[in-house]
């Protein structure tokens, strides 16, 4: 995190001298489509206890700010925004038989690099996801514990169009970690077989430049 802040400060200082800089506020929503195999949750003796299935991933929302630094056609664009999303889980157990919702809050920090061709932008880059907090109905289920990593890494890529001071973007985002790797039952760590990926739609209003 300290290295990211130092890099951002250096690039911003250099761009003020040599390039064009814009600041903006942005907001948008994300749609996640994740088809995974159910998790087999084991008891303390290693026998099947029940299965945990991902029932649905809800629409997520995010908002924050960006800095766009332009050197000719080259663009470097760090972004910082609060991201809130949720998932529904279903436990295959006759004694339970209900849906449990988990909500997640992250600070997402993508650092995008791309090119601009007139009003069109093509951009991609790495993303850091800083875990802020979570609420879940699964805590009411015996033996469940959350074990989130403080920082996970992913990526973003997509296209955008600039209309005066308005920036509209459509991107695809993925994570290098498997979805659900925070799930812990009876001191056993679980994760689904796939990584989470999302389609992002956003709009931003920029100043400067």
Protein backbone atom coordinates (compact mmCIF):
# COMPACT_ATOMS: atom_id res chain seq x y z
CA UNK A 1 0.00 0.00 0.00
CA UNK A 2 2.85 2.43 0.85
CA UNK A 3 4.54 1.64 -2.48
CA UNK A 4 1.30 2.35 -4.33
CA UNK A 5 0.90 5.72 -2.62
CA UNK A 6 4.53 6.66 -3.34
CA UNK A 7 4.16 5.70 -7.01
CA UNK A 8 0.93 7.68 -7.29
CA UNK A 9 2.57 10.75 -5.69
CA UNK A 10 5.58 10.53 -8.02
CA UNK A 11 3.45 10.18 -11.15
CA UNK A 12 1.17 13.02 -10.10
CA UNK A 13 4.14 15.33 -9.44
CA UNK A 14 5.78 14.46 -12.75
CA UNK A 15 2.57 14.93 -14.67
CA UNK A 16 1.91 18.38 -13.22
CA UNK A 17 5.25 19.44 -14.73
CA UNK A 18 5.19 17.57 -18.05
CA UNK A 19 1.62 16.53 -18.83
CA UNK A 20 -2.06 17.15 -18.47
CA UNK A 21 -3.89 16.21 -15.29
CA UNK A 22 -7.60 15.85 -14.58
CA UNK A 23 -9.47 14.99 -11.40
CA UNK A 24 -12.88 13.39 -11.31
CA UNK A 25 -15.60 11.83 -9.20
CA UNK A 26 -17.16 8.58 -10.37
CA UNK A 27 -19.93 6.16 -9.52
CA UNK A 28 -21.30 3.00 -11.03
CA UNK A 29 -22.55 -0.51 -10.54
CA UNK A 30 -21.23 -4.01 -11.13
CA UNK A 31 -22.86 -7.23 -12.28
CA UNK A 32 -21.32 -10.58 -11.30
CA UNK A 33 -22.05 -13.91 -12.95
CA UNK A 34 -20.29 -16.74 -11.12
CA UNK A 35 -21.16 -20.39 -11.70
CA UNK A 36 -19.30 -22.55 -9.19
CA UNK A 37 -19.35 -26.05 -7.78
CA UNK A 38 -20.96 -26.39 -4.35
CA UNK A 39 -18.67 -26.62 -1.34
CA UNK A 40 -18.65 -29.86 0.67
CA UNK A 41 -18.40 -28.79 4.31
CA UNK A 42 -16.85 -31.45 6.56
CA UNK A 43 -17.28 -32.16 10.25
CA UNK A 44 -14.41 -32.58 12.74
CA UNK A 45 -13.99 -36.22 11.66
CA UNK A 46 -13.70 -35.40 7.97
CA UNK A 47 -17.19 -36.64 6.99
CA UNK A 48 -19.67 -34.66 4.92
CA UNK A 49 -21.71 -32.31 7.08
CA UNK A 50 -23.63 -30.38 4.40
CA UNK A 51 -23.07 -28.51 1.14
CA UNK A 52 -22.82 -24.73 0.76
CA UNK A 53 -23.97 -23.31 -2.57
CA UNK A 54 -23.69 -19.84 -4.06
CA UNK A 55 -27.32 -18.99 -4.75
CA UNK A 56 -26.87 -15.54 -6.31
CA UNK A 57 -24.62 -12.48 -6.51
CA UNK A 58 -26.45 -9.18 -6.25
CA UNK A 59 -25.77 -5.95 -8.13
CA UNK A 60 -22.89 -4.07 -6.51
CA UNK A 61 -22.38 -0.31 -6.26
CA UNK A 62 -19.22 1.79 -6.08
CA UNK A 63 -18.19 5.43 -5.92
CA UNK A 64 -15.05 7.50 -5.41
CA UNK A 65 -12.58 9.60 -7.37
CA UNK A 66 -9.94 9.33 -10.07
CA UNK A 67 -6.88 11.14 -11.37
CA UNK A 68 -6.15 11.04 -15.10
CA UNK A 69 -2.65 11.89 -16.30
CA UNK A 70 -2.18 12.22 -20.04
CA UNK A 71 1.05 12.30 -22.06
CA UNK A 72 -0.05 12.71 -25.66
CA UNK A 73 -2.13 9.62 -26.45
CA UNK A 74 -0.85 7.77 -23.34
CA UNK A 75 -3.05 7.78 -20.23
CA UNK A 76 -2.23 6.74 -16.66
CA UNK A 77 -5.32 6.72 -14.45
CA UNK A 78 -5.29 5.72 -10.76
CA UNK A 79 -8.73 5.38 -9.17
CA UNK A 80 -9.89 5.10 -5.56
CA UNK A 81 -13.43 4.07 -4.74
CA UNK A 82 -15.59 2.42 -2.10
CA UNK A 83 -17.20 -0.78 -3.37
CA UNK A 84 -20.17 -2.53 -1.77
CA UNK A 85 -21.56 -5.85 -3.02
CA UNK A 86 -23.24 -8.96 -1.68
CA UNK A 87 -23.85 -12.66 -2.28
CA UNK A 88 -26.52 -15.13 -1.25
CA UNK A 89 -25.58 -18.60 0.01
CA UNK A 90 -27.77 -21.64 0.52
CA UNK A 91 -27.00 -24.48 2.92
CA UNK A 92 -28.23 -27.91 1.88
CA UNK A 93 -29.39 -29.07 5.29
CA UNK A 94 -33.02 -29.99 6.16
CA UNK A 95 -32.66 -28.37 9.58
CA UNK A 96 -31.65 -25.02 8.01
CA UNK A 97 -33.24 -24.62 4.56
CA UNK A 98 -32.83 -20.90 4.05
CA UNK A 99 -30.79 -18.28 2.20
CA UNK A 100 -27.96 -16.45 4.00
CA UNK A 101 -26.80 -13.06 2.69
CA UNK A 102 -23.26 -11.72 2.99
CA UNK A 103 -22.39 -8.09 2.31
CA UNK A 104 -18.84 -6.91 1.60
CA UNK A 105 -17.17 -3.50 1.60
CA UNK A 106 -13.85 -2.85 -0.11
CA UNK A 107 -11.61 0.04 -1.10
CA UNK A 108 -10.70 -0.70 -4.72
CA UNK A 109 -7.55 0.86 -6.19
CA UNK A 110 -7.11 0.16 -9.91
CA UNK A 111 -4.12 1.72 -11.69
CA UNK A 112 -4.98 1.79 -15.37
CA UNK A 113 -2.78 2.47 -18.38
CA UNK A 114 -4.12 3.00 -21.86
CA UNK A 115 -4.37 5.06 -25.00
CA UNK A 116 -6.80 7.71 -26.16
CA UNK A 117 -8.02 8.01 -29.74
CA UNK A 118 -10.18 11.11 -29.97
CA UNK A 119 -13.04 10.61 -27.49
CA UNK A 120 -12.35 6.86 -27.19
CA UNK A 121 -10.18 5.32 -24.45
CA UNK A 122 -8.83 1.76 -24.15
CA UNK A 123 -7.42 0.97 -20.68
CA UNK A 124 -6.27 -1.92 -18.52
CA UNK A 125 -4.21 -2.51 -15.39
CA UNK A 126 -3.83 -4.12 -11.96
CA UNK A 127 -6.16 -3.54 -9.04
CA UNK A 128 -5.74 -3.77 -5.28
CA UNK A 129 -8.77 -4.59 -3.13
CA UNK A 130 -8.48 -3.49 0.50
CA UNK A 131 -11.01 -5.25 2.75
CA UNK A 132 -12.99 -2.84 4.95
CA UNK A 133 -15.74 -4.92 6.51
CA UNK A 134 -18.51 -7.47 6.09
CA UNK A 135 -21.84 -8.53 7.55
CA UNK A 136 -23.31 -11.99 7.16
CA UNK A 137 -26.22 -14.13 8.24
CA UNK A 138 -23.93 -17.17 8.18
CA UNK A 139 -22.55 -16.15 11.57
CA UNK A 140 -25.79 -17.50 13.02
CA UNK A 141 -24.80 -20.95 11.73
CA UNK A 142 -22.75 -23.10 14.11
CA UNK A 143 -19.05 -23.26 13.32
CA UNK A 144 -18.89 -20.50 10.70
CA UNK A 145 -16.10 -17.90 10.83
CA UNK A 146 -14.94 -15.25 8.36
CA UNK A 147 -11.25 -14.99 7.54
CA UNK A 148 -10.82 -12.21 4.98
CA UNK A 149 -7.41 -11.22 3.61
CA UNK A 150 -6.60 -7.55 4.18
CA UNK A 151 -5.48 -7.12 0.56
CA UNK A 152 -6.27 -9.09 -2.57
CA UNK A 153 -5.13 -8.41 -6.13
CA UNK A 154 -6.99 -8.38 -9.40
CA UNK A 155 -7.24 -6.53 -12.68
CA UNK A 156 -9.50 -4.35 -14.81
CA UNK A 157 -9.75 -3.68 -18.52
CA UNK A 158 -12.21 -2.06 -20.87
CA UNK A 159 -13.20 0.88 -23.02
CA UNK A 160 -14.50 4.35 -22.33
CA UNK A 161 -15.76 7.42 -24.13
CA UNK A 162 -15.33 11.08 -23.18
CA UNK A 163 -18.18 13.50 -23.84
CA UNK A 164 -16.97 16.94 -22.77
CA UNK A 165 -16.39 16.51 -18.99
CA UNK A 166 -18.36 13.27 -18.79
CA UNK A 167 -16.51 9.93 -18.87
CA UNK A 168 -18.47 6.72 -19.46
CA UNK A 169 -16.76 3.34 -19.00
CA UNK A 170 -17.55 -0.32 -19.49
CA UNK A 171 -14.96 -2.69 -18.00
CA UNK A 172 -14.40 -6.29 -17.09
CA UNK A 173 -12.75 -6.97 -13.72
CA UNK A 174 -11.32 -10.13 -12.22
CA UNK A 175 -9.60 -11.31 -9.06
CA UNK A 176 -6.56 -13.56 -8.74
CA UNK A 177 -7.98 -15.20 -5.60
CA UNK A 178 -10.68 -17.86 -5.62
CA UNK A 179 -14.14 -16.66 -4.65
CA UNK A 180 -15.14 -17.43 -1.06
CA UNK A 181 -11.62 -17.97 0.26
CA UNK A 182 -12.73 -16.23 3.49
CA UNK A 183 -15.09 -19.11 4.39
CA UNK A 184 -14.11 -21.09 7.46
CA UNK A 185 -16.12 -23.89 9.10
CA UNK A 186 -14.70 -25.71 12.11
CA UNK A 187 -11.22 -24.24 11.53
CA UNK A 188 -11.19 -25.58 7.96
CA UNK A 189 -10.58 -23.08 5.17
CA UNK A 190 -12.79 -23.38 2.07
CA UNK A 191 -13.02 -21.66 -1.29
CA UNK A 192 -15.03 -22.09 -4.47
CA UNK A 193 -13.42 -23.43 -7.63
CA UNK A 194 -13.48 -20.15 -9.59
CA UNK A 195 -12.39 -16.54 -9.19
CA UNK A 196 -14.92 -13.76 -9.13
CA UNK A 197 -15.31 -11.65 -12.27
CA UNK A 198 -17.61 -8.69 -12.84
CA UNK A 199 -18.85 -6.37 -15.53
CA UNK A 200 -18.54 -2.74 -14.44
CA UNK A 201 -20.56 0.23 -15.69
CA UNK A 202 -19.56 3.71 -14.49
CA UNK A 203 -19.81 7.43 -15.19
CA UNK A 204 -17.43 10.14 -14.00
CA UNK A 205 -17.35 13.93 -14.07
CA UNK A 206 -13.84 15.38 -14.46
CA UNK A 207 -12.29 18.77 -13.72
CA UNK A 208 -9.09 20.36 -14.94
CA UNK A 209 -6.93 19.75 -17.96
